[in-house]
PDB file of N, CA and C in Angstrom:
ATOM      1  N   MET A   1     137.406 127.401  91.151  1.00  0.00           N
ATOM      2  CA  MET A   1     136.064 126.859  91.170  1.00  0.00           C
ATOM      3  C   MET A   1     135.314 127.391  92.391  1.00  0.00           C
ATOM      4  N   VAL A   2     134.038 127.648  92.206  1.00  0.00           N
ATOM      5  CA  VAL A   2     133.152 128.045  93.292  1.00  0.00           C
ATOM      6  C   VAL A   2     132.372 126.804  93.703  1.00  0.00           C
ATOM      7  N   GLN A   3     132.351 126.537  95.004  1.00  0.00           N
ATOM      8  CA  GLN A   3     131.637 125.369  95.501  1.00  0.00           C
ATOM      9  C   GLN A   3     130.565 125.798  96.495  1.00  0.00           C
ATOM     10  N   ALA A   4     129.518 124.972  96.593  1.00  0.00           N
ATOM     11  CA  ALA A   4     128.475 125.217  97.586  1.00  0.00           C
ATOM     12  C   ALA A   4     127.860 123.885  97.990  1.00  0.00           C
ATOM     13  N   TYR A   5     127.523 123.811  99.258  1.00  0.00           N
ATOM     14  CA  TYR A   5     126.736 122.684  99.750  1.00  0.00           C
ATOM     15  C   TYR A   5     125.272 123.088  99.669  1.00  0.00           C
ATOM     16  N   ILE A   6     124.450 122.197  99.157  1.00  0.00           N
ATOM     17  CA  ILE A   6     123.022 122.449  99.063  1.00  0.00           C
ATOM     18  C   ILE A   6     122.331 121.476 100.003  1.00  0.00           C
ATOM     19  N   LEU A   7     121.707 122.012 101.045  1.00  0.00           N
ATOM     20  CA  LEU A   7     121.003 121.205 102.033  1.00  0.00           C
ATOM     21  C   LEU A   7     119.544 121.130 101.606  1.00  0.00           C
ATOM     22  N   ILE A   8     119.010 119.930 101.555  1.00  0.00           N
ATOM     23  CA  ILE A   8     117.711 119.710 100.922  1.00  0.00           C
ATOM     24  C   ILE A   8     116.768 118.952 101.844  1.00  0.00           C
ATOM     25  N   GLN A   9     115.548 119.474 101.976  1.00  0.00           N
ATOM     26  CA  GLN A   9     114.473 118.758 102.657  1.00  0.00           C
ATOM     27  C   GLN A   9     113.548 118.212 101.587  1.00  0.00           C
ATOM     28  N   THR A  10     113.087 116.984 101.789  1.00  0.00           N
ATOM     29  CA  THR A  10     112.241 116.337 100.791  1.00  0.00           C
ATOM     30  C   THR A  10     110.881 115.979 101.382  1.00  0.00           C
ATOM     31  N   GLU A  11     109.944 115.672 100.494  1.00  0.00           N
ATOM     32  CA  GLU A  11     108.668 115.125 100.923  1.00  0.00           C
ATOM     33  C   GLU A  11     108.920 113.734 101.506  1.00  0.00           C
ATOM     34  N   VAL A  12     108.048 113.299 102.384  1.00  0.00           N
ATOM     35  CA  VAL A  12     108.184 111.982 103.004  1.00  0.00           C
ATOM     36  C   VAL A  12     108.224 110.911 101.914  1.00  0.00           C
ATOM     37  N   GLY A  13     109.213 110.029 102.013  1.00  0.00           N
ATOM     38  CA  GLY A  13     109.336 108.926 101.069  1.00  0.00           C
ATOM     39  C   GLY A  13     109.998 109.278  99.751  1.00  0.00           C
ATOM     40  N   LYS A  14     110.457 110.508  99.585  1.00  0.00           N
ATOM     41  CA  LYS A  14     111.037 110.937  98.306  1.00  0.00           C
ATOM     42  C   LYS A  14     112.559 111.098  98.338  1.00  0.00           C
ATOM     43  N   THR A  15     113.200 110.807  99.467  1.00  0.00           N
ATOM     44  CA  THR A  15     114.630 111.063  99.604  1.00  0.00           C
ATOM     45  C   THR A  15     115.452 110.349  98.534  1.00  0.00           C
ATOM     46  N   HIS A  16     115.201 109.077  98.321  1.00  0.00           N
ATOM     47  CA  HIS A  16     115.982 108.320  97.328  1.00  0.00           C
ATOM     48  C   HIS A  16     115.793 108.893  95.932  1.00  0.00           C
ATOM     49  N   ASP A  17     114.559 109.179  95.549  1.00  0.00           N
ATOM     50  CA  ASP A  17     114.285 109.719  94.215  1.00  0.00           C
ATOM     51  C   ASP A  17     114.948 111.076  94.017  1.00  0.00           C
ATOM     52  N   VAL A  18     114.872 111.923  95.037  1.00  0.00           N
ATOM     53  CA  VAL A  18     115.482 113.250  94.956  1.00  0.00           C
ATOM     54  C   VAL A  18     117.001 113.127  94.841  1.00  0.00           C
ATOM     55  N   ALA A  19     117.613 112.302  95.671  1.00  0.00           N
ATOM     56  CA  ALA A  19     119.070 112.130  95.630  1.00  0.00           C
ATOM     57  C   ALA A  19     119.521 111.614  94.270  1.00  0.00           C
ATOM     58  N   THR A  20     118.783 110.677  93.721  1.00  0.00           N
ATOM     59  CA  THR A  20     119.128 110.129  92.402  1.00  0.00           C
ATOM     60  C   THR A  20     119.033 111.198  91.327  1.00  0.00           C
ATOM     61  N   ALA A  21     117.952 111.971  91.339  1.00  0.00           N
ATOM     62  CA  ALA A  21     117.767 113.017  90.326  1.00  0.00           C
ATOM     63  C   ALA A  21     118.836 114.092  90.436  1.00  0.00           C
ATOM     64  N   ILE A  22     119.170 114.498  91.642  1.00  0.00           N
ATOM     65  CA  ILE A  22     120.173 115.541  91.839  1.00  0.00           C
ATOM     66  C   ILE A  22     121.552 115.063  91.392  1.00  0.00           C
ATOM     67  N   GLY A  23     121.819 113.794  91.544  1.00  0.00           N
ATOM     68  CA  GLY A  23     123.088 113.242  91.106  1.00  0.00           C
ATOM     69  C   GLY A  23     123.334 113.371  89.620  1.00  0.00           C
ATOM     70  N   HIS A  24     122.267 113.589  88.842  1.00  0.00           N
ATOM     71  CA  HIS A  24     122.392 113.738  87.390  1.00  0.00           C
ATOM     72  C   HIS A  24     122.494 115.191  86.942  1.00  0.00           C
ATOM     73  N   VAL A  25     122.404 116.142  87.866  1.00  0.00           N
ATOM     74  CA  VAL A  25     122.501 117.556  87.515  1.00  0.00           C
ATOM     75  C   VAL A  25     123.963 117.913  87.246  1.00  0.00           C
ATOM     76  N   ASP A  26     124.227 118.530  86.102  1.00  0.00           N
ATOM     77  CA  ASP A  26     125.581 118.944  85.741  1.00  0.00           C
ATOM     78  C   ASP A  26     126.097 119.939  86.777  1.00  0.00           C
ATOM     79  N   GLY A  27     127.260 119.690  87.305  1.00  0.00           N
ATOM     80  CA  GLY A  27     127.852 120.556  88.312  1.00  0.00           C
ATOM     81  C   GLY A  27     127.749 120.000  89.720  1.00  0.00           C
ATOM     82  N   VAL A  28     126.882 119.027  89.925  1.00  0.00           N
ATOM     83  CA  VAL A  28     126.784 118.374  91.229  1.00  0.00           C
ATOM     84  C   VAL A  28     127.851 117.281  91.261  1.00  0.00           C
ATOM     85  N   VAL A  29     128.759 117.373  92.232  1.00  0.00           N
ATOM     86  CA  VAL A  29     129.874 116.442  92.271  1.00  0.00           C
ATOM     87  C   VAL A  29     129.714 115.358  93.331  1.00  0.00           C
ATOM     88  N   ARG A  30     128.784 115.566  94.270  1.00  0.00           N
ATOM     89  CA  ARG A  30     128.541 114.553  95.293  1.00  0.00           C
ATOM     90  C   ARG A  30     127.153 114.751  95.878  1.00  0.00           C
ATOM     91  N   VAL A  31     126.483 113.637  96.161  1.00  0.00           N
ATOM     92  CA  VAL A  31     125.157 113.661  96.785  1.00  0.00           C
ATOM     93  C   VAL A  31     125.133 112.601  97.873  1.00  0.00           C
ATOM     94  N   ASP A  32     124.656 112.989  99.057  1.00  0.00           N
ATOM     95  CA  ASP A  32     124.531 112.039 100.159  1.00  0.00           C
ATOM     96  C   ASP A  32     123.159 112.191 100.807  1.00  0.00           C
ATOM     97  N   SER A  33     122.541 111.062 101.130  1.00  0.00           N
ATOM     98  CA  SER A  33     121.343 111.065 101.957  1.00  0.00           C
ATOM     99  C   SER A  33     121.812 111.083 103.403  1.00  0.00           C
ATOM    100  N   VAL A  34     121.181 111.924 104.223  1.00  0.00           N
ATOM    101  CA  VAL A  34     121.618 112.103 105.605  1.00  0.00           C
ATOM    102  C   VAL A  34     120.408 112.071 106.544  1.00  0.00           C
ATOM    103  N   THR A  35     120.685 112.005 107.849  1.00  0.00           N
ATOM    104  CA  THR A  35     119.627 112.114 108.836  1.00  0.00           C
ATOM    105  C   THR A  35     119.719 113.482 109.497  1.00  0.00           C
ATOM    106  N   GLY A  36     118.668 113.890 110.158  1.00  0.00           N
ATOM    107  CA  GLY A  36     118.634 115.193 110.804  1.00  0.00           C
ATOM    108  C   GLY A  36     117.607 116.081 110.136  1.00  0.00           C
ATOM    109  N   PRO A  37     117.768 117.397 110.257  1.00  0.00           N
ATOM    110  CA  PRO A  37     116.761 118.306 109.708  1.00  0.00           C
ATOM    111  C   PRO A  37     116.728 118.329 108.180  1.00  0.00           C
ATOM    112  N   TYR A  38     117.785 117.877 107.535  1.00  0.00           N
ATOM    113  CA  TYR A  38     117.818 117.793 106.075  1.00  0.00           C
ATOM    114  C   TYR A  38     117.911 116.331 105.669  1.00  0.00           C
ATOM    115  N   ASP A  39     117.423 116.030 104.468  1.00  0.00           N
ATOM    116  CA  ASP A  39     117.372 114.651 103.988  1.00  0.00           C
ATOM    117  C   ASP A  39     118.488 114.320 103.000  1.00  0.00           C
ATOM    118  N   VAL A  40     118.915 115.332 102.255  1.00  0.00           N
ATOM    119  CA  VAL A  40     119.940 115.150 101.224  1.00  0.00           C
ATOM    120  C   VAL A  40     120.882 116.347 101.285  1.00  0.00           C
ATOM    121  N   ILE A  41     122.171 116.100 101.123  1.00  0.00           N
ATOM    122  CA  ILE A  41     123.152 117.174 100.990  1.00  0.00           C
ATOM    123  C   ILE A  41     123.932 116.934  99.702  1.00  0.00           C
ATOM    124  N   ALA A  42     124.021 117.983  98.888  1.00  0.00           N
ATOM    125  CA  ALA A  42     124.739 117.885  97.621  1.00  0.00           C
ATOM    126  C   ALA A  42     125.883 118.896  97.622  1.00  0.00           C
ATOM    127  N   LEU A  43     126.984 118.512  97.023  1.00  0.00           N
ATOM    128  CA  LEU A  43     128.106 119.432  96.805  1.00  0.00           C
ATOM    129  C   LEU A  43     128.121 119.766  95.322  1.00  0.00           C
ATOM    130  N   ALA A  44     128.054 121.066  95.019  1.00  0.00           N
ATOM    131  CA  ALA A  44     128.033 121.511  93.626  1.00  0.00           C
ATOM    132  C   ALA A  44     129.216 122.432  93.387  1.00  0.00           C
ATOM    133  N   GLU A  45     129.693 122.460  92.133  1.00  0.00           N
ATOM    134  CA  GLU A  45     130.770 123.378  91.791  1.00  0.00           C
ATOM    135  C   GLU A  45     130.656 123.820  90.341  1.00  0.00           C
ATOM    136  N   LYS A  46     131.019 125.084  90.127  1.00  0.00           N
ATOM    137  CA  LYS A  46     131.084 125.689  88.800  1.00  0.00           C
ATOM    138  C   LYS A  46     132.200 126.728  88.827  1.00  0.00           C
ATOM    139  N   HIS A  47     132.470 127.340  87.694  1.00  0.00           N
ATOM    140  CA  HIS A  47     133.568 128.301  87.601  1.00  0.00           C
ATOM    141  C   HIS A  47     133.243 129.635  88.264  1.00  0.00           C
ATOM    142  N   THR A  48     131.982 130.071  88.234  1.00  0.00           N
ATOM    143  CA  THR A  48     131.601 131.352  88.834  1.00  0.00           C
ATOM    144  C   THR A  48     130.349 131.175  89.686  1.00  0.00           C
ATOM    145  N   VAL A  49     130.100 132.154  90.535  1.00  0.00           N
ATOM    146  CA  VAL A  49     128.885 132.132  91.352  1.00  0.00           C
ATOM    147  C   VAL A  49     127.650 132.179  90.463  1.00  0.00           C
ATOM    148  N   ASP A  50     127.693 132.976  89.407  1.00  0.00           N
ATOM    149  CA  ASP A  50     126.549 133.062  88.497  1.00  0.00           C
ATOM    150  C   ASP A  50     126.259 131.717  87.839  1.00  0.00           C
ATOM    151  N   GLU A  51     127.305 131.038  87.392  1.00  0.00           N
ATOM    152  CA  GLU A  51     127.116 129.708  86.796  1.00  0.00           C
ATOM    153  C   GLU A  51     126.537 128.748  87.820  1.00  0.00           C
ATOM    154  N   LEU A  52     127.029 128.831  89.035  1.00  0.00           N
ATOM    155  CA  LEU A  52     126.534 127.954  90.092  1.00  0.00           C
ATOM    156  C   LEU A  52     125.044 128.186  90.308  1.00  0.00           C
ATOM    157  N   GLY A  53     124.639 129.439  90.360  1.00  0.00           N
ATOM    158  CA  GLY A  53     123.234 129.752  90.578  1.00  0.00           C
ATOM    159  C   GLY A  53     122.345 129.361  89.409  1.00  0.00           C
ATOM    160  N   LYS A  54     122.785 129.685  88.211  1.00  0.00           N
ATOM    161  CA  LYS A  54     121.959 129.430  87.028  1.00  0.00           C
ATOM    162  C   LYS A  54     121.915 127.957  86.654  1.00  0.00           C
ATOM    163  N   ALA A  55     123.064 127.327  86.632  1.00  0.00           N
ATOM    164  CA  ALA A  55     123.150 125.971  86.099  1.00  0.00           C
ATOM    165  C   ALA A  55     122.846 124.898  87.127  1.00  0.00           C
ATOM    166  N   VAL A  56     123.145 125.164  88.378  1.00  0.00           N
ATOM    167  CA  VAL A  56     123.030 124.105  89.370  1.00  0.00           C
ATOM    168  C   VAL A  56     121.860 124.340  90.319  1.00  0.00           C
ATOM    169  N   VAL A  57     121.908 125.426  91.058  1.00  0.00           N
ATOM    170  CA  VAL A  57     120.909 125.650  92.096  1.00  0.00           C
ATOM    171  C   VAL A  57     119.506 125.697  91.516  1.00  0.00           C
ATOM    172  N   SER A  58     119.310 126.391  90.405  1.00  0.00           N
ATOM    173  CA  SER A  58     117.978 126.477  89.821  1.00  0.00           C
ATOM    174  C   SER A  58     117.479 125.107  89.357  1.00  0.00           C
ATOM    175  N   LYS A  59     118.368 124.266  88.851  1.00  0.00           N
ATOM    176  CA  LYS A  59     117.972 122.924  88.419  1.00  0.00           C
ATOM    177  C   LYS A  59     117.673 122.024  89.610  1.00  0.00           C
ATOM    178  N   VAL A  60     118.464 122.143  90.658  1.00  0.00           N
ATOM    179  CA  VAL A  60     118.217 121.343  91.860  1.00  0.00           C
ATOM    180  C   VAL A  60     116.862 121.704  92.445  1.00  0.00           C
ATOM    181  N   GLN A  61     116.551 122.991  92.529  1.00  0.00           N
ATOM    182  CA  GLN A  61     115.292 123.421  93.123  1.00  0.00           C
ATOM    183  C   GLN A  61     114.075 122.978  92.328  1.00  0.00           C
ATOM    184  N   SER A  62     114.252 122.633  91.070  1.00  0.00           N
ATOM    185  CA  SER A  62     113.115 122.205  90.258  1.00  0.00           C
ATOM    186  C   SER A  62     112.858 120.700  90.325  1.00  0.00           C
ATOM    187  N   VAL A  63     113.682 119.951  91.057  1.00  0.00           N
ATOM    188  CA  VAL A  63     113.503 118.505  91.171  1.00  0.00           C
ATOM    189  C   VAL A  63     112.232 118.206  91.973  1.00  0.00           C
ATOM    190  N   ASP A  64     111.403 117.325  91.448  1.00  0.00           N
ATOM    191  CA  ASP A  64     110.152 116.944  92.103  1.00  0.00           C
ATOM    192  C   ASP A  64     110.436 116.260  93.435  1.00  0.00           C
ATOM    193  N   GLY A  65     109.693 116.650  94.466  1.00  0.00           N
ATOM    194  CA  GLY A  65     109.847 116.032  95.776  1.00  0.00           C
ATOM    195  C   GLY A  65     110.618 116.866  96.773  1.00  0.00           C
ATOM    196  N   ILE A  66     111.195 117.995  96.321  1.00  0.00           N
ATOM    197  CA  ILE A  66     111.925 118.876  97.224  1.00  0.00           C
ATOM    198  C   ILE A  66     110.962 119.880  97.848  1.00  0.00           C
ATOM    199  N   THR A  67     111.064 120.053  99.154  1.00  0.00           N
ATOM    200  CA  THR A  67     110.219 121.036  99.829  1.00  0.00           C
ATOM    201  C   THR A  67     110.983 122.299 100.206  1.00  0.00           C
ATOM    202  N   ARG A  68     112.294 122.189 100.427  1.00  0.00           N
ATOM    203  CA  ARG A  68     113.086 123.358 100.820  1.00  0.00           C
ATOM    204  C   ARG A  68     114.559 123.091 100.564  1.00  0.00           C
ATOM    205  N   THR A  69     115.286 124.159 100.181  1.00  0.00           N
ATOM    206  CA  THR A  69     116.740 124.051 100.035  1.00  0.00           C
ATOM    207  C   THR A  69     117.413 125.199 100.775  1.00  0.00           C
ATOM    208  N   LEU A  70     118.641 124.962 101.164  1.00  0.00           N
ATOM    209  CA  LEU A  70     119.488 125.989 101.764  1.00  0.00           C
ATOM    210  C   LEU A  70     120.861 125.842 101.108  1.00  0.00           C
ATOM    211  N   THR A  71     121.329 126.874 100.428  1.00  0.00           N
ATOM    212  CA  THR A  71     122.599 126.814  99.730  1.00  0.00           C
ATOM    213  C   THR A  71     123.666 127.512 100.570  1.00  0.00           C
ATOM    214  N   CYS A  72     124.762 126.808 100.824  1.00  0.00           N
ATOM    215  CA  CYS A  72     125.848 127.306 101.669  1.00  0.00           C
ATOM    216  C   CYS A  72     127.131 127.352 100.848  1.00  0.00           C
ATOM    217  N   PRO A  73     127.532 128.535 100.374  1.00  0.00           N
ATOM    218  CA  PRO A  73     128.776 128.646  99.613  1.00  0.00           C
ATOM    219  C   PRO A  73     129.986 128.298 100.483  1.00  0.00           C
ATOM    220  N   VAL A  74     130.970 127.673  99.876  1.00  0.00           N
ATOM    221  CA  VAL A  74     132.209 127.322 100.575  1.00  0.00           C
ATOM    222  C   VAL A  74     133.112 128.544 100.568  1.00  0.00           C
ATOM    223  N   VAL A  75     133.708 128.850 101.724  1.00  0.00           N
ATOM    224  CA  VAL A  75     134.687 129.930 101.825  1.00  0.00           C
ATOM    225  C   VAL A  75     136.009 129.334 102.303  1.00  0.00           C
ATOM    226  N   HIS A  76     137.080 129.923 101.868  1.00  0.00           N
ATOM    227  CA  HIS A  76     138.408 129.463 102.269  1.00  0.00           C
ATOM    228  C   HIS A  76     139.026 130.532 103.155  1.00  0.00           C
ATOM    229  N   LEU A  77     139.076 130.271 104.455  1.00  0.00           N
ATOM    230  CA  LEU A  77     139.576 131.261 105.418  1.00  0.00           C
ATOM    231  C   LEU A  77     141.060 131.098 105.663  1.00  0.00           C
TER     232      LEU A  77
END
């Protein structure tokens, strides 16, 4: 499985709505609201990088209330 953390900045007052919506995206296995420069962090996984990009990241980025995302693929060193 390919995994990635998606760090998400939201519009003011939209963190709960964004976290809830992202939790329903297929391939997202965990969503947490956090403090700091990002408002929500999601862990997503799929079988390939292409699936991760097409099925998960593109759907997350289309959620209303998101202003910016940063996707960080997991590496096993």
